Amino acid sequence: MENERNHLLDILILINNLQRSVVNNIDNNNSCTKPILGPVNNLIYNTRPVSFYLCNGQELSIEGDNDIASVVFRVENVNNSCVTVRLLNIDEQNNITSTNEFATINIDCIAALRCLSDVSLIL
């Protein structure tokens, strides 16, 4: 189990570092560990949105100040066994927008994460 936690932590650190460096390049690989943010045109992607799944298999949902539950997040900081995330909103057309709301999650409570396609957000 410790090895799985280290792997999740490594992926979160990679995502955090990528978002901080904001590299724009063309690559069609859509995995969590893709070494760049991107992929197309002249847009600069600055976010790899993620969803978390708890050890009981449920998707993590955090309610923000606007009483809307968020299930998609932007990694903002990784520290030891915690990750600070920004809550993101998704509309009916799957457009993602940023909020100014944050939460800190204990990585020990996370069993899996899912990465969505990279996006460009106003932060």
PDB file of N, CA and C in Angstrom:
ATOM      1  N   MET A   1       0.823  -1.199   0.000  1.00  0.00           N
ATOM      2  CA  MET A   1       0.000   0.000   0.000  1.00  0.00           C
ATOM      3  C   MET A   1       0.869   1.266   0.000  1.00  0.00           C
ATOM      4  N   GLU A   2       1.996   1.224   0.725  1.00  0.00           N
ATOM      5  CA  GLU A   2       2.900   2.373   0.785  1.00  0.00           C
ATOM      6  C   GLU A   2       3.423   2.720  -0.606  1.00  0.00           C
ATOM      7  N   ASN A   3       3.739   1.697  -1.403  1.00  0.00           N
ATOM      8  CA  ASN A   3       4.236   1.915  -2.751  1.00  0.00           C
ATOM      9  C   ASN A   3       3.217   2.643  -3.614  1.00  0.00           C
ATOM     10  N   GLU A   4       1.914   2.270  -3.473  1.00  0.00           N
ATOM     11  CA  GLU A   4       0.853   2.934  -4.228  1.00  0.00           C
ATOM     12  C   GLU A   4       0.742   4.396  -3.831  1.00  0.00           C
ATOM     13  N   ARG A   5       0.867   4.701  -2.540  1.00  0.00           N
ATOM     14  CA  ARG A   5       0.803   6.085  -2.062  1.00  0.00           C
ATOM     15  C   ARG A   5       1.962   6.889  -2.633  1.00  0.00           C
ATOM     16  N   ASN A   6       3.165   6.285  -2.646  1.00  0.00           N
ATOM     17  CA  ASN A   6       4.325   6.977  -3.205  1.00  0.00           C
ATOM     18  C   ASN A   6       4.130   7.265  -4.686  1.00  0.00           C
ATOM     19  N   HIS A   7       3.514   6.320  -5.396  1.00  0.00           N
ATOM     20  CA  HIS A   7       3.261   6.517  -6.826  1.00  0.00           C
ATOM     21  C   HIS A   7       2.276   7.673  -7.047  1.00  0.00           C
ATOM     22  N   LEU A   8       1.202   7.713  -6.280  1.00  0.00           N
ATOM     23  CA  LEU A   8       0.249   8.820  -6.388  1.00  0.00           C
ATOM     24  C   LEU A   8       0.923  10.148  -6.054  1.00  0.00           C
ATOM     25  N   LEU A   9       1.732  10.155  -5.018  1.00  0.00           N
ATOM     26  CA  LEU A   9       2.441  11.364  -4.624  1.00  0.00           C
ATOM     27  C   LEU A   9       3.394  11.812  -5.725  1.00  0.00           C
ATOM     28  N   ASP A  10       4.099  10.871  -6.341  1.00  0.00           N
ATOM     29  CA  ASP A  10       5.008  11.209  -7.452  1.00  0.00           C
ATOM     30  C   ASP A  10       4.253  11.841  -8.617  1.00  0.00           C
ATOM     31  N   ILE A  11       3.088  11.300  -8.939  1.00  0.00           N
ATOM     32  CA  ILE A  11       2.292  11.855 -10.042  1.00  0.00           C
ATOM     33  C   ILE A  11       1.810  13.261  -9.692  1.00  0.00           C
ATOM     34  N   LEU A  12       1.354  13.466  -8.468  1.00  0.00           N
ATOM     35  CA  LEU A  12       0.898  14.799  -8.059  1.00  0.00           C
ATOM     36  C   LEU A  12       2.041  15.809  -8.081  1.00  0.00           C
ATOM     37  N   ILE A  13       3.225  15.393  -7.679  1.00  0.00           N
ATOM     38  CA  ILE A  13       4.390  16.280  -7.732  1.00  0.00           C
ATOM     39  C   ILE A  13       4.722  16.619  -9.180  1.00  0.00           C
ATOM     40  N   LEU A  14       4.672  15.628 -10.067  1.00  0.00           N
ATOM     41  CA  LEU A  14       4.922  15.873 -11.491  1.00  0.00           C
ATOM     42  C   LEU A  14       3.921  16.876 -12.060  1.00  0.00           C
ATOM     43  N   ILE A  15       2.651  16.675 -11.782  1.00  0.00           N
ATOM     44  CA  ILE A  15       1.611  17.596 -12.274  1.00  0.00           C
ATOM     45  C   ILE A  15       1.849  18.995 -11.732  1.00  0.00           C
ATOM     46  N   ASN A  16       2.144  19.109 -10.456  1.00  0.00           N
ATOM     47  CA  ASN A  16       2.402  20.416  -9.846  1.00  0.00           C
ATOM     48  C   ASN A  16       3.592  21.104 -10.502  1.00  0.00           C
ATOM     49  N   ASN A  17       4.674  20.363 -10.729  1.00  0.00           N
ATOM     50  CA  ASN A  17       5.860  20.945 -11.376  1.00  0.00           C
ATOM     51  C   ASN A  17       5.574  21.371 -12.814  1.00  0.00           C
ATOM     52  N   LEU A  18       4.814  20.567 -13.538  1.00  0.00           N
ATOM     53  CA  LEU A  18       4.460  20.924 -14.918  1.00  0.00           C
ATOM     54  C   LEU A  18       3.644  22.208 -14.959  1.00  0.00           C
ATOM     55  N   GLN A  19       2.679  22.307 -14.074  1.00  0.00           N
ATOM     56  CA  GLN A  19       1.821  23.498 -14.055  1.00  0.00           C
ATOM     57  C   GLN A  19       2.627  24.737 -13.681  1.00  0.00           C
ATOM     58  N   ARG A  20       3.604  24.577 -12.833  1.00  0.00           N
ATOM     59  CA  ARG A  20       4.439  25.716 -12.442  1.00  0.00           C
ATOM     60  C   ARG A  20       5.341  26.166 -13.584  1.00  0.00           C
ATOM     61  N   SER A  21       5.795  25.229 -14.397  1.00  0.00           N
ATOM     62  CA  SER A  21       6.698  25.587 -15.491  1.00  0.00           C
ATOM     63  C   SER A  21       5.964  25.967 -16.769  1.00  0.00           C
ATOM     64  N   VAL A  22       4.715  25.555 -16.930  1.00  0.00           N
ATOM     65  CA  VAL A  22       3.863  25.845 -18.081  1.00  0.00           C
ATOM     66  C   VAL A  22       4.636  25.739 -19.400  1.00  0.00           C
ATOM     67  N   VAL A  23       4.857  24.517 -19.790  1.00  0.00           N
ATOM     68  CA  VAL A  23       5.525  24.238 -21.051  1.00  0.00           C
ATOM     69  C   VAL A  23       4.456  23.963 -22.093  1.00  0.00           C
ATOM     70  N   ASN A  24       4.581  24.575 -23.251  1.00  0.00           N
ATOM     71  CA  ASN A  24       3.641  24.329 -24.343  1.00  0.00           C
ATOM     72  C   ASN A  24       4.359  23.557 -25.437  1.00  0.00           C
ATOM     73  N   ASN A  25       3.849  22.392 -25.743  1.00  0.00           N
ATOM     74  CA  ASN A  25       4.459  21.554 -26.752  1.00  0.00           C
ATOM     75  C   ASN A  25       3.372  20.669 -27.344  1.00  0.00           C
ATOM     76  N   ILE A  26       3.639  20.056 -28.463  1.00  0.00           N
ATOM     77  CA  ILE A  26       2.652  19.181 -29.094  1.00  0.00           C
ATOM     78  C   ILE A  26       2.954  17.742 -28.720  1.00  0.00           C
ATOM     79  N   ASP A  27       1.964  17.075 -28.153  1.00  0.00           N
ATOM     80  CA  ASP A  27       2.094  15.685 -27.747  1.00  0.00           C
ATOM     81  C   ASP A  27       0.685  15.125 -27.609  1.00  0.00           C
ATOM     82  N   ASN A  28       0.424  13.981 -28.213  1.00  0.00           N
ATOM     83  CA  ASN A  28      -0.918  13.411 -28.166  1.00  0.00           C
ATOM     84  C   ASN A  28      -1.112  12.410 -27.037  1.00  0.00           C
ATOM     85  N   ASN A  29      -0.114  12.211 -26.199  1.00  0.00           N
ATOM     86  CA  ASN A  29      -0.223  11.319 -25.056  1.00  0.00           C
ATOM     87  C   ASN A  29      -1.094  11.993 -24.002  1.00  0.00           C
ATOM     88  N   ASN A  30      -2.169  11.362 -23.549  1.00  0.00           N
ATOM     89  CA  ASN A  30      -3.083  11.969 -22.590  1.00  0.00           C
ATOM     90  C   ASN A  30      -3.033  11.322 -21.217  1.00  0.00           C
ATOM     91  N   SER A  31      -1.910  10.708 -20.842  1.00  0.00           N
ATOM     92  CA  SER A  31      -1.834  10.064 -19.535  1.00  0.00           C
ATOM     93  C   SER A  31      -1.479  11.070 -18.442  1.00  0.00           C
ATOM     94  N   CYS A  32      -1.640  10.666 -17.205  1.00  0.00           N
ATOM     95  CA  CYS A  32      -1.306  11.520 -16.055  1.00  0.00           C
ATOM     96  C   CYS A  32       0.168  11.875 -16.038  1.00  0.00           C
ATOM     97  N   THR A  33       1.006  10.995 -16.541  1.00  0.00           N
ATOM     98  CA  THR A  33       2.448  11.205 -16.463  1.00  0.00           C
ATOM     99  C   THR A  33       3.042  11.834 -17.720  1.00  0.00           C
ATOM    100  N   LYS A  34       2.192  12.293 -18.631  1.00  0.00           N
ATOM    101  CA  LYS A  34       2.685  12.965 -19.840  1.00  0.00           C
ATOM    102  C   LYS A  34       3.623  14.090 -19.408  1.00  0.00           C
ATOM    103  N   PRO A  35       4.836  14.174 -19.958  1.00  0.00           N
ATOM    104  CA  PRO A  35       5.853  15.081 -19.434  1.00  0.00           C
ATOM    105  C   PRO A  35       5.686  16.553 -19.800  1.00  0.00           C
ATOM    106  N   ILE A  36       4.622  16.901 -20.471  1.00  0.00           N
ATOM    107  CA  ILE A  36       4.375  18.300 -20.823  1.00  0.00           C
ATOM    108  C   ILE A  36       2.889  18.589 -20.703  1.00  0.00           C
ATOM    109  N   LEU A  37       2.546  19.863 -20.638  1.00  0.00           N
ATOM    110  CA  LEU A  37       1.147  20.260 -20.735  1.00  0.00           C
ATOM    111  C   LEU A  37       0.906  20.646 -22.177  1.00  0.00           C
ATOM    112  N   GLY A  38      -0.234  20.333 -22.673  1.00  0.00           N
ATOM    113  CA  GLY A  38      -0.494  20.684 -24.057  1.00  0.00           C
ATOM    114  C   GLY A  38      -1.717  19.956 -24.536  1.00  0.00           C
ATOM    115  N   PRO A  39      -2.043  19.912 -25.729  1.00  0.00           N
ATOM    116  CA  PRO A  39      -1.239  19.530 -26.848  1.00  0.00           C
ATOM    117  C   PRO A  39      -1.270  20.410 -28.084  1.00  0.00           C
ATOM    118  N   VAL A  40      -2.254  21.248 -28.375  1.00  0.00           N
ATOM    119  CA  VAL A  40      -2.377  21.739 -29.743  1.00  0.00           C
ATOM    120  C   VAL A  40      -2.384  23.255 -29.856  1.00  0.00           C
ATOM    121  N   ASN A  41      -2.218  23.693 -31.096  1.00  0.00           N
ATOM    122  CA  ASN A  41      -2.335  25.094 -31.478  1.00  0.00           C
ATOM    123  C   ASN A  41      -1.379  25.989 -30.706  1.00  0.00           C
ATOM    124  N   ASN A  42      -1.726  27.237 -30.562  1.00  0.00           N
ATOM    125  CA  ASN A  42      -0.872  28.182 -29.868  1.00  0.00           C
ATOM    126  C   ASN A  42      -1.352  28.485 -28.458  1.00  0.00           C
ATOM    127  N   LEU A  43      -2.319  27.705 -27.974  1.00  0.00           N
ATOM    128  CA  LEU A  43      -2.797  27.898 -26.616  1.00  0.00           C
ATOM    129  C   LEU A  43      -1.734  27.457 -25.620  1.00  0.00           C
ATOM    130  N   ILE A  44      -1.622  28.172 -24.544  1.00  0.00           N
ATOM    131  CA  ILE A  44      -0.718  27.769 -23.474  1.00  0.00           C
ATOM    132  C   ILE A  44      -1.568  27.118 -22.389  1.00  0.00           C
ATOM    133  N   TYR A  45      -1.359  25.844 -22.204  1.00  0.00           N
ATOM    134  CA  TYR A  45      -2.094  25.097 -21.196  1.00  0.00           C
ATOM    135  C   TYR A  45      -1.380  25.244 -19.864  1.00  0.00           C
ATOM    136  N   ASN A  46      -2.129  25.532 -18.825  1.00  0.00           N
ATOM    137  CA  ASN A  46      -1.515  25.728 -17.517  1.00  0.00           C
ATOM    138  C   ASN A  46      -2.105  24.827 -16.434  1.00  0.00           C
ATOM    139  N   THR A  47      -2.968  23.899 -16.831  1.00  0.00           N
ATOM    140  CA  THR A  47      -3.636  23.063 -15.832  1.00  0.00           C
ATOM    141  C   THR A  47      -3.891  21.661 -16.378  1.00  0.00           C
ATOM    142  N   ARG A  48      -3.604  20.667 -15.544  1.00  0.00           N
ATOM    143  CA  ARG A  48      -4.002  19.288 -15.814  1.00  0.00           C
ATOM    144  C   ARG A  48      -5.025  18.928 -14.739  1.00  0.00           C
ATOM    145  N   PRO A  49      -6.317  19.094 -15.022  1.00  0.00           N
ATOM    146  CA  PRO A  49      -7.358  18.822 -14.027  1.00  0.00           C
ATOM    147  C   PRO A  49      -7.350  17.356 -13.599  1.00  0.00           C
ATOM    148  N   VAL A  50      -7.636  17.146 -12.318  1.00  0.00           N
ATOM    149  CA  VAL A  50      -7.667  15.790 -11.782  1.00  0.00           C
ATOM    150  C   VAL A  50      -8.928  15.572 -10.947  1.00  0.00           C
ATOM    151  N   SER A  51      -9.328  14.316 -10.879  1.00  0.00           N
ATOM    152  CA  SER A  51     -10.377  13.866  -9.963  1.00  0.00           C
ATOM    153  C   SER A  51      -9.743  12.820  -9.064  1.00  0.00           C
ATOM    154  N   PHE A  52     -10.209  12.763  -7.829  1.00  0.00           N
ATOM    155  CA  PHE A  52      -9.678  11.805  -6.863  1.00  0.00           C
ATOM    156  C   PHE A  52     -10.752  10.797  -6.487  1.00  0.00           C
ATOM    157  N   TYR A  53     -10.305   9.583  -6.211  1.00  0.00           N
ATOM    158  CA  TYR A  53     -11.204   8.531  -5.752  1.00  0.00           C
ATOM    159  C   TYR A  53     -10.738   8.047  -4.391  1.00  0.00           C
ATOM    160  N   LEU A  54     -11.674   7.960  -3.468  1.00  0.00           N
ATOM    161  CA  LEU A  54     -11.383   7.554  -2.102  1.00  0.00           C
ATOM    162  C   LEU A  54     -11.150   6.051  -2.026  1.00  0.00           C
ATOM    163  N   CYS A  55     -10.633   5.601  -0.892  1.00  0.00           N
ATOM    164  CA  CYS A  55     -10.348   4.179  -0.705  1.00  0.00           C
ATOM    165  C   CYS A  55     -11.595   3.303  -0.808  1.00  0.00           C
ATOM    166  N   ASN A  56     -12.794   3.887  -0.586  1.00  0.00           N
ATOM    167  CA  ASN A  56     -14.041   3.117  -0.714  1.00  0.00           C
ATOM    168  C   ASN A  56     -14.577   3.139  -2.152  1.00  0.00           C
ATOM    169  N   GLY A  57     -13.837   3.754  -3.082  1.00  0.00           N
ATOM    170  CA  GLY A  57     -14.224   3.776  -4.490  1.00  0.00           C
ATOM    171  C   GLY A  57     -15.054   4.975  -4.906  1.00  0.00           C
ATOM    172  N   GLN A  58     -15.503   5.790  -3.961  1.00  0.00           N
ATOM    173  CA  GLN A  58     -16.307   6.970  -4.296  1.00  0.00           C
ATOM    174  C   GLN A  58     -15.425   8.106  -4.792  1.00  0.00           C
ATOM    175  N   GLU A  59     -15.965   8.869  -5.730  1.00  0.00           N
ATOM    176  CA  GLU A  59     -15.269  10.050  -6.226  1.00  0.00           C
ATOM    177  C   GLU A  59     -15.311  11.135  -5.154  1.00  0.00           C
ATOM    178  N   LEU A  60     -14.171  11.770  -4.909  1.00  0.00           N
ATOM    179  CA  LEU A  60     -14.098  12.840  -3.916  1.00  0.00           C
ATOM    180  C   LEU A  60     -14.860  14.048  -4.424  1.00  0.00           C
ATOM    181  N   SER A  61     -15.728  14.580  -3.584  1.00  0.00           N
ATOM    182  CA  SER A  61     -16.520  15.755  -3.905  1.00  0.00           C
ATOM    183  C   SER A  61     -16.347  16.742  -2.755  1.00  0.00           C
ATOM    184  N   ILE A  62     -16.011  17.999  -3.092  1.00  0.00           N
ATOM    185  CA  ILE A  62     -15.840  19.030  -2.074  1.00  0.00           C
ATOM    186  C   ILE A  62     -16.774  20.182  -2.410  1.00  0.00           C
ATOM    187  N   GLU A  63     -17.582  20.567  -1.431  1.00  0.00           N
ATOM    188  CA  GLU A  63     -18.528  21.664  -1.639  1.00  0.00           C
ATOM    189  C   GLU A  63     -17.848  22.997  -1.369  1.00  0.00           C
ATOM    190  N   GLY A  64     -17.977  23.904  -2.331  1.00  0.00           N
ATOM    191  CA  GLY A  64     -17.401  25.231  -2.200  1.00  0.00           C
ATOM    192  C   GLY A  64     -18.374  26.214  -1.576  1.00  0.00           C
ATOM    193  N   ASP A  65     -17.941  27.464  -1.476  1.00  0.00           N
ATOM    194  CA  ASP A  65     -18.768  28.510  -0.881  1.00  0.00           C
ATOM    195  C   ASP A  65     -20.070  28.734  -1.641  1.00  0.00           C
ATOM    196  N   ASN A  66     -20.069  28.418  -2.940  1.00  0.00           N
ATOM    197  CA  ASN A  66     -21.261  28.644  -3.753  1.00  0.00           C
ATOM    198  C   ASN A  66     -22.249  27.476  -3.670  1.00  0.00           C
ATOM    199  N   ASP A  67     -22.027  26.556  -2.716  1.00  0.00           N
ATOM    200  CA  ASP A  67     -22.877  25.380  -2.512  1.00  0.00           C
ATOM    201  C   ASP A  67     -22.901  24.438  -3.703  1.00  0.00           C
ATOM    202  N   ILE A  68     -21.910  24.557  -4.576  1.00  0.00           N
ATOM    203  CA  ILE A  68     -21.772  23.640  -5.707  1.00  0.00           C
ATOM    204  C   ILE A  68     -20.621  22.698  -5.398  1.00  0.00           C
ATOM    205  N   ALA A  69     -20.878  21.412  -5.482  1.00  0.00           N
ATOM    206  CA  ALA A  69     -19.849  20.419  -5.194  1.00  0.00           C
ATOM    207  C   ALA A  69     -18.919  20.284  -6.394  1.00  0.00           C
ATOM    208  N   SER A  70     -17.639  20.288  -6.121  1.00  0.00           N
ATOM    209  CA  SER A  70     -16.635  20.127  -7.165  1.00  0.00           C
ATOM    210  C   SER A  70     -16.032  18.735  -7.077  1.00  0.00           C
ATOM    211  N   VAL A  71     -15.874  18.091  -8.228  1.00  0.00           N
ATOM    212  CA  VAL A  71     -15.223  16.786  -8.301  1.00  0.00           C
ATOM    213  C   VAL A  71     -13.962  16.857  -9.161  1.00  0.00           C
ATOM    214  N   VAL A  72     -13.636  18.060  -9.638  1.00  0.00           N
ATOM    215  CA  VAL A  72     -12.454  18.271 -10.470  1.00  0.00           C
ATOM    216  C   VAL A  72     -11.619  19.366  -9.818  1.00  0.00           C
ATOM    217  N   PHE A  73     -10.290  19.136  -9.806  1.00  0.00           N
ATOM    218  CA  PHE A  73      -9.400  20.013  -9.067  1.00  0.00           C
ATOM    219  C   PHE A  73      -8.132  20.312  -9.849  1.00  0.00           C
ATOM    220  N   ARG A  74      -7.472  21.411  -9.444  1.00  0.00           N
ATOM    221  CA  ARG A  74      -6.153  21.764  -9.958  1.00  0.00           C
ATOM    222  C   ARG A  74      -5.174  21.625  -8.806  1.00  0.00           C
ATOM    223  N   VAL A  75      -4.099  20.880  -8.995  1.00  0.00           N
ATOM    224  CA  VAL A  75      -3.079  20.734  -7.972  1.00  0.00           C
ATOM    225  C   VAL A  75      -2.366  22.071  -7.821  1.00  0.00           C
ATOM    226  N   GLU A  76      -2.318  22.569  -6.600  1.00  0.00           N
ATOM    227  CA  GLU A  76      -1.657  23.849  -6.319  1.00  0.00           C
ATOM    228  C   GLU A  76      -0.363  23.680  -5.541  1.00  0.00           C
ATOM    229  N   ASN A  77      -0.298  22.655  -4.692  1.00  0.00           N
ATOM    230  CA  ASN A  77       0.902  22.431  -3.898  1.00  0.00           C
ATOM    231  C   ASN A  77       0.874  21.005  -3.362  1.00  0.00           C
ATOM    232  N   VAL A  78       2.057  20.403  -3.276  1.00  0.00           N
ATOM    233  CA  VAL A  78       2.190  19.067  -2.702  1.00  0.00           C
ATOM    234  C   VAL A  78       3.208  19.172  -1.574  1.00  0.00           C
ATOM    235  N   ASN A  79       2.804  18.721  -0.375  1.00  0.00           N
ATOM    236  CA  ASN A  79       3.666  18.833   0.789  1.00  0.00           C
ATOM    237  C   ASN A  79       3.530  17.568   1.627  1.00  0.00           C
ATOM    238  N   ASN A  80       4.600  16.787   1.680  1.00  0.00           N
ATOM    239  CA  ASN A  80       4.610  15.523   2.421  1.00  0.00           C
ATOM    240  C   ASN A  80       3.473  14.635   1.946  1.00  0.00           C
ATOM    241  N   SER A  81       2.478  14.387   2.789  1.00  0.00           N
ATOM    242  CA  SER A  81       1.387  13.500   2.386  1.00  0.00           C
ATOM    243  C   SER A  81       0.092  14.268   2.131  1.00  0.00           C
ATOM    244  N   CYS A  82       0.213  15.573   1.889  1.00  0.00           N
ATOM    245  CA  CYS A  82      -0.975  16.396   1.612  1.00  0.00           C
ATOM    246  C   CYS A  82      -0.834  17.101   0.273  1.00  0.00           C
ATOM    247  N   VAL A  83      -1.969  17.314  -0.354  1.00  0.00           N
ATOM    248  CA  VAL A  83      -2.011  18.072  -1.602  1.00  0.00           C
ATOM    249  C   VAL A  83      -3.053  19.176  -1.436  1.00  0.00           C
ATOM    250  N   THR A  84      -2.649  20.400  -1.783  1.00  0.00           N
ATOM    251  CA  THR A  84      -3.588  21.521  -1.792  1.00  0.00           C
ATOM    252  C   THR A  84      -4.100  21.655  -3.214  1.00  0.00           C
ATOM    253  N   VAL A  85      -5.420  21.748  -3.334  1.00  0.00           N
ATOM    254  CA  VAL A  85      -6.042  21.823  -4.656  1.00  0.00           C
ATOM    255  C   VAL A  85      -6.935  23.046  -4.747  1.00  0.00           C
ATOM    256  N   ARG A  86      -7.118  23.515  -5.978  1.00  0.00           N
ATOM    257  CA  ARG A  86      -8.090  24.560  -6.295  1.00  0.00           C
ATOM    258  C   ARG A  86      -9.327  23.859  -6.832  1.00  0.00           C
ATOM    259  N   LEU A  87     -10.491  24.239  -6.338  1.00  0.00           N
ATOM    260  CA  LEU A  87     -11.733  23.672  -6.837  1.00  0.00           C
ATOM    261  C   LEU A  87     -12.021  24.239  -8.222  1.00  0.00           C
ATOM    262  N   LEU A  88     -12.419  23.370  -9.131  1.00  0.00           N
ATOM    263  CA  LEU A  88     -12.770  23.774 -10.495  1.00  0.00           C
ATOM    264  C   LEU A  88     -14.245  23.472 -10.745  1.00  0.00           C
ATOM    265  N   ASN A  89     -14.847  24.267 -11.610  1.00  0.00           N
ATOM    266  CA  ASN A  89     -16.240  24.054 -12.012  1.00  0.00           C
ATOM    267  C   ASN A  89     -16.276  23.483 -13.421  1.00  0.00           C
ATOM    268  N   ILE A  90     -17.220  22.587 -13.664  1.00  0.00           N
ATOM    269  CA  ILE A  90     -17.453  22.043 -15.011  1.00  0.00           C
ATOM    270  C   ILE A  90     -18.906  22.291 -15.357  1.00  0.00           C
ATOM    271  N   ASP A  91     -19.147  22.906 -16.525  1.00  0.00           N
ATOM    272  CA  ASP A  91     -20.527  23.150 -16.943  1.00  0.00           C
ATOM    273  C   ASP A  91     -21.046  21.988 -17.788  1.00  0.00           C
ATOM    274  N   GLU A  92     -22.263  22.123 -18.297  1.00  0.00           N
ATOM    275  CA  GLU A  92     -22.909  21.052 -19.061  1.00  0.00           C
ATOM    276  C   GLU A  92     -22.162  20.696 -20.345  1.00  0.00           C
ATOM    277  N   GLN A  93     -21.392  21.632 -20.885  1.00  0.00           N
ATOM    278  CA  GLN A  93     -20.625  21.382 -22.103  1.00  0.00           C
ATOM    279  C   GLN A  93     -19.200  20.913 -21.795  1.00  0.00           C
ATOM    280  N   ASN A  94     -18.947  20.568 -20.536  1.00  0.00           N
ATOM    281  CA  ASN A  94     -17.633  20.120 -20.066  1.00  0.00           C
ATOM    282  C   ASN A  94     -16.557  21.196 -20.129  1.00  0.00           C
ATOM    283  N   ASN A  95     -16.958  22.469 -20.126  1.00  0.00           N
ATOM    284  CA  ASN A  95     -15.997  23.558 -20.023  1.00  0.00           C
ATOM    285  C   ASN A  95     -15.595  23.697 -18.563  1.00  0.00           C
ATOM    286  N   ILE A  96     -14.307  23.835 -18.333  1.00  0.00           N
ATOM    287  CA  ILE A  96     -13.780  23.927 -16.978  1.00  0.00           C
ATOM    288  C   ILE A  96     -13.391  25.363 -16.686  1.00  0.00           C
ATOM    289  N   THR A  97     -13.799  25.860 -15.516  1.00  0.00           N
ATOM    290  CA  THR A  97     -13.416  27.196 -15.079  1.00  0.00           C
ATOM    291  C   THR A  97     -12.847  27.107 -13.662  1.00  0.00           C
ATOM    292  N   SER A  98     -12.030  28.083 -13.354  1.00  0.00           N
ATOM    293  CA  SER A  98     -11.342  28.131 -12.077  1.00  0.00           C
ATOM    294  C   SER A  98     -12.186  28.833 -11.016  1.00  0.00           C
ATOM    295  N   THR A  99     -11.949  28.506  -9.764  1.00  0.00           N
ATOM    296  CA  THR A  99     -12.532  29.229  -8.637  1.00  0.00           C
ATOM    297  C   THR A  99     -11.385  29.764  -7.787  1.00  0.00           C
ATOM    298  N   ASN A 100     -11.715  30.529  -6.784  1.00  0.00           N
ATOM    299  CA  ASN A 100     -10.721  30.990  -5.814  1.00  0.00           C
ATOM    300  C   ASN A 100     -10.892  30.248  -4.498  1.00  0.00           C
ATOM    301  N   GLU A 101     -11.341  28.998  -4.600  1.00  0.00           N
ATOM    302  CA  GLU A 101     -11.545  28.173  -3.421  1.00  0.00           C
ATOM    303  C   GLU A 101     -10.544  27.021  -3.428  1.00  0.00           C
ATOM    304  N   PHE A 102     -10.025  26.709  -2.239  1.00  0.00           N
ATOM    305  CA  PHE A 102      -8.974  25.716  -2.108  1.00  0.00           C
ATOM    306  C   PHE A 102      -9.319  24.725  -1.012  1.00  0.00           C
ATOM    307  N   ALA A 103      -8.702  23.551  -1.091  1.00  0.00           N
ATOM    308  CA  ALA A 103      -8.852  22.533  -0.049  1.00  0.00           C
ATOM    309  C   ALA A 103      -7.536  21.773   0.048  1.00  0.00           C
ATOM    310  N   THR A 104      -7.284  21.219   1.220  1.00  0.00           N
ATOM    311  CA  THR A 104      -6.112  20.377   1.421  1.00  0.00           C
ATOM    312  C   THR A 104      -6.590  18.957   1.672  1.00  0.00           C
ATOM    313  N   ILE A 105      -6.001  18.013   0.951  1.00  0.00           N
ATOM    314  CA  ILE A 105      -6.422  16.619   0.988  1.00  0.00           C
ATOM    315  C   ILE A 105      -5.253  15.765   1.473  1.00  0.00           C
ATOM    316  N   ASN A 106      -5.531  14.858   2.380  1.00  0.00           N
ATOM    317  CA  ASN A 106      -4.528  13.904   2.841  1.00  0.00           C
ATOM    318  C   ASN A 106      -4.427  12.800   1.800  1.00  0.00           C
ATOM    319  N   ILE A 107      -3.248  12.606   1.226  1.00  0.00           N
ATOM    320  CA  ILE A 107      -3.059  11.623   0.162  1.00  0.00           C
ATOM    321  C   ILE A 107      -3.329  10.205   0.663  1.00  0.00           C
ATOM    322  N   ASP A 108      -3.225   9.971   1.981  1.00  0.00           N
ATOM    323  CA  ASP A 108      -3.505   8.642   2.528  1.00  0.00           C
ATOM    324  C   ASP A 108      -4.965   8.256   2.359  1.00  0.00           C
ATOM    325  N   CYS A 109      -5.834   9.234   2.131  1.00  0.00           N
ATOM    326  CA  CYS A 109      -7.258   8.964   1.943  1.00  0.00           C
ATOM    327  C   CYS A 109      -7.609   8.713   0.477  1.00  0.00           C
ATOM    328  N   ILE A 110      -6.641   8.859  -0.419  1.00  0.00           N
ATOM    329  CA  ILE A 110      -6.878   8.739  -1.854  1.00  0.00           C
ATOM    330  C   ILE A 110      -6.392   7.383  -2.355  1.00  0.00           C
ATOM    331  N   ALA A 111      -7.250   6.695  -3.110  1.00  0.00           N
ATOM    332  CA  ALA A 111      -6.889   5.403  -3.682  1.00  0.00           C
ATOM    333  C   ALA A 111      -6.471   5.528  -5.141  1.00  0.00           C
ATOM    334  N   ALA A 112      -7.037   6.513  -5.840  1.00  0.00           N
ATOM    335  CA  ALA A 112      -6.751   6.655  -7.268  1.00  0.00           C
ATOM    336  C   ALA A 112      -7.010   8.085  -7.698  1.00  0.00           C
ATOM    337  N   LEU A 113      -6.409   8.453  -8.828  1.00  0.00           N
ATOM    338  CA  LEU A 113      -6.714   9.746  -9.431  1.00  0.00           C
ATOM    339  C   LEU A 113      -6.916   9.566 -10.922  1.00  0.00           C
ATOM    340  N   ARG A 114      -7.686  10.461 -11.471  1.00  0.00           N
ATOM    341  CA  ARG A 114      -7.967  10.450 -12.916  1.00  0.00           C
ATOM    342  C   ARG A 114      -7.586  11.818 -13.447  1.00  0.00           C
ATOM    343  N   CYS A 115      -6.852  11.832 -14.547  1.00  0.00           N
ATOM    344  CA  CYS A 115      -6.466  13.091 -15.170  1.00  0.00           C
ATOM    345  C   CYS A 115      -7.363  13.374 -16.358  1.00  0.00           C
ATOM    346  N   LEU A 116      -7.810  14.617 -16.455  1.00  0.00           N
ATOM    347  CA  LEU A 116      -8.582  15.062 -17.601  1.00  0.00           C
ATOM    348  C   LEU A 116      -7.623  15.720 -18.591  1.00  0.00           C
ATOM    349  N   SER A 117      -8.118  16.066 -19.748  1.00  0.00           N
ATOM    350  CA  SER A 117      -7.283  16.723 -20.751  1.00  0.00           C
ATOM    351  C   SER A 117      -6.825  18.078 -20.234  1.00  0.00           C
ATOM    352  N   ASP A 118      -5.593  18.426 -20.574  1.00  0.00           N
ATOM    353  CA  ASP A 118      -5.025  19.710 -20.167  1.00  0.00           C
ATOM    354  C   ASP A 118      -5.860  20.875 -20.697  1.00  0.00           C
ATOM    355  N   VAL A 119      -5.927  21.936 -19.896  1.00  0.00           N
ATOM    356  CA  VAL A 119      -6.707  23.106 -20.254  1.00  0.00           C
ATOM    357  C   VAL A 119      -5.946  24.371 -19.923  1.00  0.00           C
ATOM    358  N   SER A 120      -6.416  25.473 -20.464  1.00  0.00           N
ATOM    359  CA  SER A 120      -5.892  26.787 -20.146  1.00  0.00           C
ATOM    360  C   SER A 120      -6.938  27.500 -19.285  1.00  0.00           C
ATOM    361  N   LEU A 121      -6.554  27.840 -18.048  1.00  0.00           N
ATOM    362  CA  LEU A 121      -7.495  28.481 -17.130  1.00  0.00           C
ATOM    363  C   LEU A 121      -7.001  29.856 -16.735  1.00  0.00           C
ATOM    364  N   ILE A 122      -7.936  30.739 -16.440  1.00  0.00           N
ATOM    365  CA  ILE A 122      -7.612  32.005 -15.824  1.00  0.00           C
ATOM    366  C   ILE A 122      -7.594  31.751 -14.327  1.00  0.00           C
ATOM    367  N   LEU A 123      -6.425  31.934 -13.726  1.00  0.00           N
ATOM    368  CA  LEU A 123      -6.266  31.604 -12.301  1.00  0.00           C
ATOM    369  C   LEU A 123      -6.335  32.840 -11.440  1.00  0.00           C
TER     370      LEU A 123
END
